[in-house]
Amino acid sequence: MVNATLAAGNSGCMFVTLLVATFDGSSNRLMYTRAGHVPPFLRRADDGAVERLNEAGGPPLGLVENATFRSATVKLGLGDELLIVTDGITEAMDPALHLFGEQRIIEAIGAHSTRALLARLLREVRIFEAGGAQSDDIAAVLLKLAPG
């Protein structure tokens, strides 16, 4: 309904990206869908591997009136970390107009503890931008599944 409302008469091709997720603490399952949003990063505690949650989703809201959006479910283990970022991070630009990208985020996840990750990631984006203007919103959420 939200997508259809935004798409109706949208001659300016304005759009919204969105990630919606619900977590079931009894089964440790995360159900999610994306509307053009950057796929979340999931770092597994057992081996440190970083997965991308890109199985679910559809186009950004407002672009395609009759778009469909798939959902997916992933089981989280104790110690797993889920990092959700906006495209203001992945699309931050340096003076030569290169994008910060997703690989730098994956490297940051592997190199930093949970407590330091968000602050370090923001510092790395600012260093990468080298004083250039921020071109989009920058937001990040980090969730870690801890023993109950």
N, C-alpha and C. Protein backbone atom coordinates (compact mmCIF):
# COMPACT_ATOMS: atom_id res chain seq x y z
N MET A 1 0.82 -1.19 0.00
CA MET A 1 0.00 0.00 0.00
C MET A 1 0.88 1.27 0.00
N VAL A 2 1.91 1.26 0.80
CA VAL A 2 2.82 2.41 0.85
C VAL A 2 3.47 2.61 -0.51
N ASN A 3 3.95 1.52 -1.11
CA ASN A 3 4.59 1.61 -2.41
C ASN A 3 3.64 2.16 -3.45
N ALA A 4 2.41 1.63 -3.51
CA ALA A 4 1.44 2.08 -4.51
C ALA A 4 1.12 3.55 -4.32
N THR A 5 1.00 4.00 -3.10
CA THR A 5 0.70 5.40 -2.82
C THR A 5 1.83 6.30 -3.28
N LEU A 6 3.08 5.91 -2.98
CA LEU A 6 4.23 6.72 -3.40
C LEU A 6 4.42 6.71 -4.91
N ALA A 7 4.10 5.58 -5.56
CA ALA A 7 4.32 5.45 -7.00
C ALA A 7 3.26 6.19 -7.82
N ALA A 8 2.07 6.35 -7.28
CA ALA A 8 0.99 7.00 -8.03
C ALA A 8 1.36 8.44 -8.35
N GLY A 9 1.41 8.77 -9.63
CA GLY A 9 1.71 10.14 -10.06
C GLY A 9 3.11 10.59 -9.73
N ASN A 10 4.04 9.68 -9.64
CA ASN A 10 5.41 10.00 -9.26
C ASN A 10 6.25 10.35 -10.49
N SER A 11 5.89 11.42 -11.17
CA SER A 11 6.60 11.80 -12.40
C SER A 11 8.04 12.23 -12.12
N GLY A 12 8.34 12.63 -10.90
CA GLY A 12 9.70 13.03 -10.54
C GLY A 12 10.59 11.86 -10.16
N CYS A 13 10.04 10.64 -10.20
CA CYS A 13 10.79 9.42 -9.85
C CYS A 13 11.45 9.50 -8.47
N MET A 14 10.73 10.10 -7.54
CA MET A 14 11.21 10.12 -6.15
C MET A 14 11.01 8.73 -5.57
N PHE A 15 11.89 8.31 -4.66
CA PHE A 15 11.77 6.97 -4.09
C PHE A 15 12.29 6.96 -2.65
N VAL A 16 11.99 5.87 -1.97
CA VAL A 16 12.41 5.65 -0.60
C VAL A 16 12.97 4.24 -0.51
N THR A 17 14.14 4.09 0.12
CA THR A 17 14.61 2.74 0.41
C THR A 17 14.19 2.39 1.82
N LEU A 18 14.01 1.10 2.05
CA LEU A 18 13.45 0.67 3.34
C LEU A 18 13.94 -0.73 3.65
N LEU A 19 14.17 -0.99 4.91
CA LEU A 19 14.43 -2.33 5.41
C LEU A 19 13.47 -2.55 6.57
N VAL A 20 12.75 -3.65 6.53
CA VAL A 20 11.85 -4.01 7.63
C VAL A 20 12.28 -5.39 8.12
N ALA A 21 12.45 -5.53 9.43
CA ALA A 21 12.87 -6.80 10.00
C ALA A 21 12.16 -7.04 11.32
N THR A 22 11.88 -8.30 11.59
CA THR A 22 11.35 -8.71 12.89
C THR A 22 12.22 -9.84 13.41
N PHE A 23 12.43 -9.84 14.71
CA PHE A 23 13.26 -10.86 15.34
C PHE A 23 12.43 -11.66 16.32
N ASP A 24 12.47 -12.98 16.22
CA ASP A 24 11.77 -13.89 17.14
C ASP A 24 12.82 -14.44 18.10
N GLY A 25 12.81 -13.94 19.32
CA GLY A 25 13.81 -14.34 20.31
C GLY A 25 13.68 -15.79 20.75
N SER A 26 12.51 -16.40 20.58
CA SER A 26 12.36 -17.79 21.00
C SER A 26 13.03 -18.75 20.02
N SER A 27 13.15 -18.36 18.76
CA SER A 27 13.78 -19.23 17.76
C SER A 27 15.07 -18.63 17.19
N ASN A 28 15.38 -17.41 17.60
CA ASN A 28 16.55 -16.66 17.08
C ASN A 28 16.50 -16.48 15.57
N ARG A 29 15.30 -16.31 15.06
CA ARG A 29 15.12 -16.11 13.61
C ARG A 29 14.78 -14.64 13.32
N LEU A 30 15.43 -14.13 12.28
CA LEU A 30 15.19 -12.78 11.81
C LEU A 30 14.49 -12.88 10.46
N MET A 31 13.30 -12.30 10.36
CA MET A 31 12.60 -12.25 9.07
C MET A 31 12.74 -10.81 8.57
N TYR A 32 13.06 -10.65 7.28
CA TYR A 32 13.31 -9.32 6.76
C TYR A 32 12.87 -9.21 5.31
N THR A 33 12.68 -7.98 4.88
CA THR A 33 12.52 -7.65 3.47
C THR A 33 13.14 -6.28 3.25
N ARG A 34 13.54 -6.04 2.00
CA ARG A 34 14.17 -4.78 1.65
C ARG A 34 13.45 -4.17 0.47
N ALA A 35 13.40 -2.87 0.45
CA ALA A 35 12.88 -2.13 -0.72
C ALA A 35 14.03 -1.24 -1.19
N GLY A 36 14.92 -1.82 -2.00
CA GLY A 36 16.05 -1.06 -2.53
C GLY A 36 17.11 -0.69 -1.51
N HIS A 37 16.99 -1.15 -0.29
CA HIS A 37 17.93 -0.80 0.77
C HIS A 37 19.18 -1.65 0.67
N VAL A 38 20.30 -1.11 1.14
CA VAL A 38 21.56 -1.84 1.18
C VAL A 38 21.34 -3.15 1.95
N PRO A 39 21.72 -4.31 1.38
CA PRO A 39 21.56 -5.56 2.12
C PRO A 39 22.38 -5.55 3.41
N PRO A 40 21.79 -5.95 4.53
CA PRO A 40 22.53 -5.99 5.79
C PRO A 40 23.72 -6.94 5.73
N PHE A 41 24.67 -6.70 6.62
CA PHE A 41 25.87 -7.51 6.75
C PHE A 41 25.70 -8.36 8.02
N LEU A 42 25.93 -9.65 7.92
CA LEU A 42 25.82 -10.55 9.06
C LEU A 42 27.16 -11.22 9.28
N ARG A 43 27.77 -10.92 10.42
CA ARG A 43 29.06 -11.54 10.77
C ARG A 43 28.79 -12.67 11.73
N ARG A 44 29.18 -13.87 11.32
CA ARG A 44 28.97 -15.07 12.13
C ARG A 44 30.04 -15.17 13.20
N ALA A 45 29.62 -15.43 14.45
CA ALA A 45 30.54 -15.50 15.58
C ALA A 45 31.44 -16.73 15.50
N ASP A 46 30.94 -17.83 14.95
CA ASP A 46 31.72 -19.06 14.97
C ASP A 46 32.96 -19.02 14.09
N ASP A 47 32.87 -18.39 12.92
CA ASP A 47 34.04 -18.37 12.03
C ASP A 47 34.41 -16.98 11.52
N GLY A 48 33.66 -15.95 11.90
CA GLY A 48 33.95 -14.59 11.48
C GLY A 48 33.54 -14.26 10.05
N ALA A 49 32.93 -15.23 9.37
CA ALA A 49 32.49 -15.00 7.99
C ALA A 49 31.41 -13.93 7.95
N VAL A 50 31.45 -13.11 6.91
CA VAL A 50 30.46 -12.06 6.72
C VAL A 50 29.55 -12.46 5.57
N GLU A 51 28.26 -12.54 5.87
CA GLU A 51 27.24 -12.85 4.87
C GLU A 51 26.47 -11.59 4.54
N ARG A 52 25.91 -11.54 3.36
CA ARG A 52 25.03 -10.44 2.97
C ARG A 52 23.60 -10.96 2.96
N LEU A 53 22.69 -10.26 3.58
CA LEU A 53 21.28 -10.65 3.59
C LEU A 53 20.59 -10.01 2.40
N ASN A 54 20.81 -10.61 1.23
CA ASN A 54 20.27 -10.04 0.00
C ASN A 54 19.26 -10.96 -0.67
N GLU A 55 18.76 -11.96 0.07
CA GLU A 55 17.81 -12.91 -0.50
C GLU A 55 16.43 -12.29 -0.68
N ALA A 56 16.10 -11.31 0.10
CA ALA A 56 14.73 -10.77 0.09
C ALA A 56 14.72 -9.35 -0.43
N GLY A 57 13.55 -8.94 -0.93
CA GLY A 57 13.40 -7.54 -1.27
C GLY A 57 12.70 -7.29 -2.57
N GLY A 58 12.89 -6.07 -3.03
CA GLY A 58 12.31 -5.57 -4.25
C GLY A 58 12.87 -4.19 -4.52
N PRO A 59 12.27 -3.47 -5.47
CA PRO A 59 12.78 -2.14 -5.82
C PRO A 59 12.48 -1.11 -4.73
N PRO A 60 13.13 0.04 -4.78
CA PRO A 60 12.80 1.11 -3.84
C PRO A 60 11.31 1.46 -3.92
N LEU A 61 10.76 1.89 -2.81
CA LEU A 61 9.35 2.28 -2.76
C LEU A 61 9.13 3.51 -3.62
N GLY A 62 8.08 3.49 -4.43
CA GLY A 62 7.68 4.63 -5.23
C GLY A 62 8.06 4.55 -6.69
N LEU A 63 8.88 3.59 -7.08
CA LEU A 63 9.32 3.51 -8.47
C LEU A 63 8.41 2.65 -9.34
N VAL A 64 7.92 1.55 -8.80
CA VAL A 64 7.10 0.60 -9.56
C VAL A 64 5.81 0.36 -8.79
N GLU A 65 4.71 0.85 -9.34
CA GLU A 65 3.45 0.82 -8.61
C GLU A 65 3.02 -0.58 -8.17
N ASN A 66 3.20 -1.58 -9.01
CA ASN A 66 2.75 -2.93 -8.67
C ASN A 66 3.91 -3.85 -8.28
N ALA A 67 4.92 -3.31 -7.69
CA ALA A 67 6.10 -4.10 -7.31
C ALA A 67 5.73 -5.13 -6.25
N THR A 68 6.46 -6.23 -6.27
CA THR A 68 6.31 -7.24 -5.22
C THR A 68 7.60 -7.28 -4.41
N PHE A 69 7.47 -7.65 -3.17
CA PHE A 69 8.60 -7.66 -2.25
C PHE A 69 8.66 -9.03 -1.56
N ARG A 70 9.78 -9.72 -1.72
CA ARG A 70 9.96 -11.03 -1.10
C ARG A 70 10.54 -10.85 0.30
N SER A 71 10.20 -11.77 1.18
CA SER A 71 10.81 -11.78 2.51
C SER A 71 11.68 -13.03 2.63
N ALA A 72 12.56 -13.02 3.59
CA ALA A 72 13.43 -14.16 3.85
C ALA A 72 13.65 -14.24 5.36
N THR A 73 14.09 -15.40 5.78
CA THR A 73 14.35 -15.64 7.20
C THR A 73 15.76 -16.19 7.35
N VAL A 74 16.46 -15.73 8.38
CA VAL A 74 17.80 -16.22 8.67
C VAL A 74 17.88 -16.52 10.17
N LYS A 75 18.52 -17.62 10.51
CA LYS A 75 18.71 -17.97 11.92
C LYS A 75 20.01 -17.36 12.41
N LEU A 76 19.94 -16.71 13.55
CA LEU A 76 21.12 -16.08 14.14
C LEU A 76 21.64 -16.96 15.27
N GLY A 77 22.96 -16.99 15.42
CA GLY A 77 23.59 -17.72 16.51
C GLY A 77 24.11 -16.76 17.56
N LEU A 78 24.38 -17.28 18.74
CA LEU A 78 24.91 -16.44 19.82
C LEU A 78 26.22 -15.80 19.38
N GLY A 79 26.32 -14.51 19.58
CA GLY A 79 27.50 -13.76 19.21
C GLY A 79 27.48 -13.19 17.80
N ASP A 80 26.53 -13.64 16.98
CA ASP A 80 26.42 -13.09 15.62
C ASP A 80 26.12 -11.59 15.68
N GLU A 81 26.66 -10.86 14.73
CA GLU A 81 26.46 -9.41 14.65
C GLU A 81 25.80 -9.05 13.33
N LEU A 82 24.76 -8.24 13.41
CA LEU A 82 24.03 -7.79 12.23
C LEU A 82 24.25 -6.29 12.10
N LEU A 83 24.82 -5.87 10.97
CA LEU A 83 25.08 -4.46 10.72
C LEU A 83 24.19 -3.99 9.58
N ILE A 84 23.40 -2.97 9.87
CA ILE A 84 22.51 -2.35 8.88
C ILE A 84 23.00 -0.94 8.65
N VAL A 85 23.24 -0.59 7.38
CA VAL A 85 23.73 0.74 7.04
C VAL A 85 22.87 1.36 5.95
N THR A 86 22.86 2.67 5.88
CA THR A 86 22.19 3.36 4.78
C THR A 86 23.19 3.56 3.64
N ASP A 87 22.65 3.90 2.48
CA ASP A 87 23.53 4.10 1.32
C ASP A 87 24.38 5.36 1.44
N GLY A 88 24.13 6.17 2.45
CA GLY A 88 25.02 7.30 2.70
C GLY A 88 26.41 6.86 3.09
N ILE A 89 26.52 5.63 3.58
CA ILE A 89 27.83 5.07 3.90
C ILE A 89 28.43 4.43 2.66
N THR A 90 27.70 3.53 2.02
CA THR A 90 28.26 2.83 0.85
C THR A 90 28.53 3.78 -0.31
N GLU A 91 27.76 4.86 -0.41
CA GLU A 91 27.92 5.80 -1.52
C GLU A 91 28.66 7.08 -1.14
N ALA A 92 29.29 7.10 0.04
CA ALA A 92 30.13 8.24 0.39
C ALA A 92 31.25 8.32 -0.65
N MET A 93 31.64 9.55 -1.03
CA MET A 93 32.63 9.72 -2.10
C MET A 93 33.88 10.42 -1.62
N ASP A 94 34.99 10.01 -2.21
CA ASP A 94 36.24 10.71 -1.97
C ASP A 94 36.35 11.85 -2.99
N PRO A 95 37.38 12.68 -2.90
CA PRO A 95 37.50 13.81 -3.84
C PRO A 95 37.54 13.39 -5.32
N ALA A 96 37.97 12.16 -5.61
CA ALA A 96 38.01 11.68 -7.00
C ALA A 96 36.69 11.02 -7.41
N LEU A 97 35.67 11.13 -6.55
CA LEU A 97 34.33 10.61 -6.79
C LEU A 97 34.26 9.08 -6.79
N HIS A 98 35.19 8.43 -6.10
CA HIS A 98 35.11 6.99 -5.89
C HIS A 98 34.18 6.73 -4.71
N LEU A 99 33.44 5.64 -4.76
CA LEU A 99 32.51 5.30 -3.68
C LEU A 99 33.22 4.54 -2.57
N PHE A 100 32.77 4.76 -1.33
CA PHE A 100 33.30 4.02 -0.18
C PHE A 100 33.06 2.53 -0.37
N GLY A 101 31.88 2.16 -0.83
CA GLY A 101 31.57 0.78 -1.20
C GLY A 101 31.29 -0.15 -0.05
N GLU A 102 31.02 -1.38 -0.41
CA GLU A 102 30.65 -2.39 0.57
C GLU A 102 31.85 -3.17 1.08
N GLN A 103 32.90 -3.31 0.29
CA GLN A 103 34.07 -4.08 0.71
C GLN A 103 34.74 -3.45 1.93
N ARG A 104 34.79 -2.14 2.00
CA ARG A 104 35.39 -1.47 3.16
C ARG A 104 34.58 -1.76 4.43
N ILE A 105 33.27 -1.90 4.29
CA ILE A 105 32.42 -2.23 5.44
C ILE A 105 32.73 -3.66 5.88
N ILE A 106 32.83 -4.58 4.95
CA ILE A 106 33.15 -5.97 5.28
C ILE A 106 34.50 -6.04 6.00
N GLU A 107 35.47 -5.29 5.53
CA GLU A 107 36.79 -5.27 6.18
C GLU A 107 36.69 -4.69 7.59
N ALA A 108 35.89 -3.66 7.77
CA ALA A 108 35.72 -3.05 9.10
C ALA A 108 35.07 -4.02 10.07
N ILE A 109 34.08 -4.76 9.59
CA ILE A 109 33.40 -5.73 10.45
C ILE A 109 34.38 -6.77 10.95
N GLY A 110 35.26 -7.23 10.09
CA GLY A 110 36.22 -8.25 10.48
C GLY A 110 37.33 -7.75 11.37
N ALA A 111 37.60 -6.45 11.33
CA ALA A 111 38.77 -5.91 12.04
C ALA A 111 38.45 -5.28 13.39
N HIS A 112 37.19 -5.08 13.72
CA HIS A 112 36.88 -4.32 14.93
C HIS A 112 35.86 -5.04 15.80
N SER A 113 36.01 -4.85 17.11
CA SER A 113 35.06 -5.43 18.05
C SER A 113 33.73 -4.69 17.94
N THR A 114 32.71 -5.29 18.48
CA THR A 114 31.37 -4.72 18.43
C THR A 114 31.34 -3.29 18.96
N ARG A 115 31.97 -3.06 20.10
CA ARG A 115 31.92 -1.74 20.72
C ARG A 115 32.56 -0.66 19.85
N ALA A 116 33.60 -1.01 19.16
CA ALA A 116 34.34 0.00 18.40
C ALA A 116 33.86 0.12 16.96
N LEU A 117 33.07 -0.83 16.47
CA LEU A 117 32.77 -0.90 15.04
C LEU A 117 32.08 0.35 14.50
N LEU A 118 31.00 0.79 15.13
CA LEU A 118 30.25 1.92 14.57
C LEU A 118 31.08 3.20 14.55
N ALA A 119 31.77 3.48 15.64
CA ALA A 119 32.59 4.68 15.69
C ALA A 119 33.72 4.60 14.66
N ARG A 120 34.33 3.43 14.54
CA ARG A 120 35.43 3.26 13.58
C ARG A 120 34.93 3.39 12.15
N LEU A 121 33.76 2.80 11.87
CA LEU A 121 33.20 2.88 10.52
C LEU A 121 32.92 4.33 10.13
N LEU A 122 32.35 5.11 11.04
CA LEU A 122 32.09 6.52 10.74
C LEU A 122 33.39 7.28 10.53
N ARG A 123 34.41 7.00 11.35
CA ARG A 123 35.71 7.65 11.16
C ARG A 123 36.29 7.31 9.79
N GLU A 124 36.19 6.04 9.40
CA GLU A 124 36.72 5.63 8.10
C GLU A 124 36.00 6.31 6.95
N VAL A 125 34.68 6.49 7.08
CA VAL A 125 33.93 7.20 6.04
C VAL A 125 34.40 8.65 5.96
N ARG A 126 34.55 9.30 7.10
CA ARG A 126 34.99 10.71 7.12
C ARG A 126 36.39 10.86 6.54
N ILE A 127 37.28 9.94 6.88
CA ILE A 127 38.63 9.99 6.32
C ILE A 127 38.57 9.80 4.81
N PHE A 128 37.76 8.85 4.36
CA PHE A 128 37.61 8.58 2.93
C PHE A 128 37.09 9.80 2.19
N GLU A 129 36.11 10.51 2.79
CA GLU A 129 35.55 11.70 2.15
C GLU A 129 36.56 12.85 2.06
N ALA A 130 37.62 12.80 2.87
CA ALA A 130 38.71 13.79 2.86
C ALA A 130 38.20 15.23 2.91
N GLY A 131 37.25 15.49 3.78
CA GLY A 131 36.74 16.85 3.94
C GLY A 131 35.65 17.24 2.97
N GLY A 132 35.32 16.35 2.04
CA GLY A 132 34.25 16.64 1.08
C GLY A 132 32.89 16.66 1.77
N ALA A 133 31.93 17.22 1.09
CA ALA A 133 30.58 17.33 1.65
C ALA A 133 29.91 15.96 1.71
N GLN A 134 29.15 15.74 2.78
CA GLN A 134 28.35 14.54 2.91
C GLN A 134 27.22 14.63 1.90
N SER A 135 27.04 13.58 1.08
CA SER A 135 26.06 13.66 0.00
C SER A 135 24.72 13.02 0.34
N ASP A 136 24.63 12.29 1.43
CA ASP A 136 23.39 11.60 1.78
C ASP A 136 23.38 11.34 3.28
N ASP A 137 22.24 10.82 3.76
CA ASP A 137 22.16 10.50 5.18
C ASP A 137 23.14 9.38 5.50
N ILE A 138 23.63 9.39 6.72
CA ILE A 138 24.52 8.33 7.19
C ILE A 138 23.93 7.80 8.48
N ALA A 139 23.57 6.51 8.44
CA ALA A 139 23.02 5.86 9.62
C ALA A 139 23.48 4.41 9.64
N ALA A 140 23.67 3.88 10.83
CA ALA A 140 24.04 2.48 10.97
C ALA A 140 23.49 1.97 12.29
N VAL A 141 23.08 0.71 12.27
CA VAL A 141 22.59 0.02 13.46
C VAL A 141 23.35 -1.29 13.56
N LEU A 142 23.85 -1.60 14.75
CA LEU A 142 24.57 -2.85 14.96
C LEU A 142 23.86 -3.63 16.05
N LEU A 143 23.48 -4.85 15.73
CA LEU A 143 22.82 -5.73 16.71
C LEU A 143 23.68 -6.95 16.92
N LYS A 144 23.79 -7.38 18.19
CA LYS A 144 24.56 -8.58 18.50
C LYS A 144 23.67 -9.48 19.34
N LEU A 145 23.59 -10.74 18.94
CA LEU A 145 22.78 -11.69 19.68
C LEU A 145 23.60 -12.20 20.86
N ALA A 146 23.17 -11.81 22.04
CA ALA A 146 23.89 -12.17 23.27
C ALA A 146 23.08 -13.22 24.03
N PRO A 147 23.74 -13.99 24.87
CA PRO A 147 23.01 -14.98 25.67
C PRO A 147 21.96 -14.29 26.52
N GLY A 148 20.80 -14.94 26.65
CA GLY A 148 19.68 -14.37 27.40
C GLY A 148 19.87 -14.54 28.85
